Amino acid sequence: LSEEFSLVDCCIAPLLWRLPSYGVDLPVQAKAVRQYAERIFARDSFQASLTDVEREMRR
């Protein structure tokens, strides 16, 4: 994740957020993907974009 938040980041973030609700658990080998996702999820702009329903997906 660079300092720039790209269109690719914007497209992949919602999918990564929803993976657990789809029953998809990333394997141990996907540690880099999980870390990337957590960095995106920590962004204020990402958190501000979530609806109440989307927030409930990760509780």
C-alpha atoms as a PDB file:
ATOM      1  CA  LEU A   1       0.000   0.000   0.000  1.00  0.00           C
ATOM      2  CA  SER A   2       1.594   3.184  -1.135  1.00  0.00           C
ATOM      3  CA  GLU A   3       0.741   6.635   0.102  1.00  0.00           C
ATOM      4  CA  GLU A   4      -1.577   6.970  -2.881  1.00  0.00           C
ATOM      5  CA  PHE A   5      -4.978   5.337  -2.654  1.00  0.00           C
ATOM      6  CA  SER A   6      -5.654   4.124  -6.183  1.00  0.00           C
ATOM      7  CA  LEU A   7      -8.723   3.041  -8.105  1.00  0.00           C
ATOM      8  CA  VAL A   8      -7.570  -0.561  -7.667  1.00  0.00           C
ATOM      9  CA  ASP A   9      -7.578  -0.088  -3.886  1.00  0.00           C
ATOM     10  CA  CYS A  10     -11.101   1.342  -4.089  1.00  0.00           C
ATOM     11  CA  CYS A  11     -12.305  -1.653  -6.082  1.00  0.00           C
ATOM     12  CA  ILE A  12     -10.693  -4.395  -3.998  1.00  0.00           C
ATOM     13  CA  ALA A  13     -11.411  -2.980  -0.523  1.00  0.00           C
ATOM     14  CA  PRO A  14     -15.160  -3.765  -0.468  1.00  0.00           C
ATOM     15  CA  LEU A  15     -14.502  -7.311  -1.647  1.00  0.00           C
ATOM     16  CA  LEU A  16     -11.864  -7.876   1.021  1.00  0.00           C
ATOM     17  CA  TRP A  17     -14.214  -6.433   3.646  1.00  0.00           C
ATOM     18  CA  ARG A  18     -16.982  -8.853   2.659  1.00  0.00           C
ATOM     19  CA  LEU A  19     -14.895 -12.044   2.447  1.00  0.00           C
ATOM     20  CA  PRO A  20     -15.748 -13.222   5.994  1.00  0.00           C
ATOM     21  CA  SER A  21     -19.478 -12.743   5.357  1.00  0.00           C
ATOM     22  CA  TYR A  22     -19.096 -14.921   2.239  1.00  0.00           C
ATOM     23  CA  GLY A  23     -17.476 -17.624   4.355  1.00  0.00           C
ATOM     24  CA  VAL A  24     -14.022 -17.027   2.876  1.00  0.00           C
ATOM     25  CA  ASP A  25     -11.094 -17.129   5.278  1.00  0.00           C
ATOM     26  CA  LEU A  26      -7.741 -16.158   3.854  1.00  0.00           C
ATOM     27  CA  PRO A  27      -5.095 -18.816   4.517  1.00  0.00           C
ATOM     28  CA  VAL A  28      -1.924 -18.249   6.495  1.00  0.00           C
ATOM     29  CA  GLN A  29      -0.041 -17.900   3.217  1.00  0.00           C
ATOM     30  CA  ALA A  30      -2.101 -14.777   2.441  1.00  0.00           C
ATOM     31  CA  LYS A  31      -0.586 -12.826   5.339  1.00  0.00           C
ATOM     32  CA  ALA A  32       0.437  -9.975   3.034  1.00  0.00           C
ATOM     33  CA  VAL A  33      -3.116  -9.680   1.690  1.00  0.00           C
ATOM     34  CA  ARG A  34      -4.544  -9.627   5.210  1.00  0.00           C
ATOM     35  CA  GLN A  35      -2.087  -6.921   6.268  1.00  0.00           C
ATOM     36  CA  TYR A  36      -2.913  -4.900   3.148  1.00  0.00           C
ATOM     37  CA  ALA A  37      -6.633  -5.211   3.899  1.00  0.00           C
ATOM     38  CA  GLU A  38      -6.187  -4.094   7.501  1.00  0.00           C
ATOM     39  CA  ARG A  39      -4.280  -1.009   6.347  1.00  0.00           C
ATOM     40  CA  ILE A  40      -7.101  -0.125   3.957  1.00  0.00           C
ATOM     41  CA  PHE A  41      -9.758  -0.784   6.610  1.00  0.00           C
ATOM     42  CA  ALA A  42      -7.934   1.534   9.020  1.00  0.00           C
ATOM     43  CA  ARG A  43      -8.218   4.498   6.657  1.00  0.00           C
ATOM     44  CA  ASP A  44     -10.656   7.168   7.816  1.00  0.00           C
ATOM     45  CA  SER A  45     -12.041   7.430   4.292  1.00  0.00           C
ATOM     46  CA  PHE A  46     -12.799   3.704   4.183  1.00  0.00           C
ATOM     47  CA  GLN A  47     -14.498   3.746   7.576  1.00  0.00           C
ATOM     48  CA  ALA A  48     -16.567   6.783   6.554  1.00  0.00           C
ATOM     49  CA  SER A  49     -17.755   4.963   3.431  1.00  0.00           C
ATOM     50  CA  LEU A  50     -19.261   2.016   5.315  1.00  0.00           C
ATOM     51  CA  THR A  51     -22.993   1.690   5.789  1.00  0.00           C
ATOM     52  CA  ASP A  52     -24.432   0.322   9.033  1.00  0.00           C
ATOM     53  CA  VAL A  53     -25.073  -3.016   7.305  1.00  0.00           C
ATOM     54  CA  GLU A  54     -21.466  -3.190   6.120  1.00  0.00           C
ATOM     55  CA  ARG A  55     -20.183  -2.420   9.607  1.00  0.00           C
ATOM     56  CA  GLU A  56     -22.233  -5.315  10.986  1.00  0.00           C
ATOM     57  CA  MET A  57     -20.570  -7.708   8.519  1.00  0.00           C
ATOM     58  CA  ARG A  58     -17.325  -7.524  10.467  1.00  0.00           C
ATOM     59  CA  ARG A  59     -18.644  -7.725  14.043  1.00  0.00           C
END
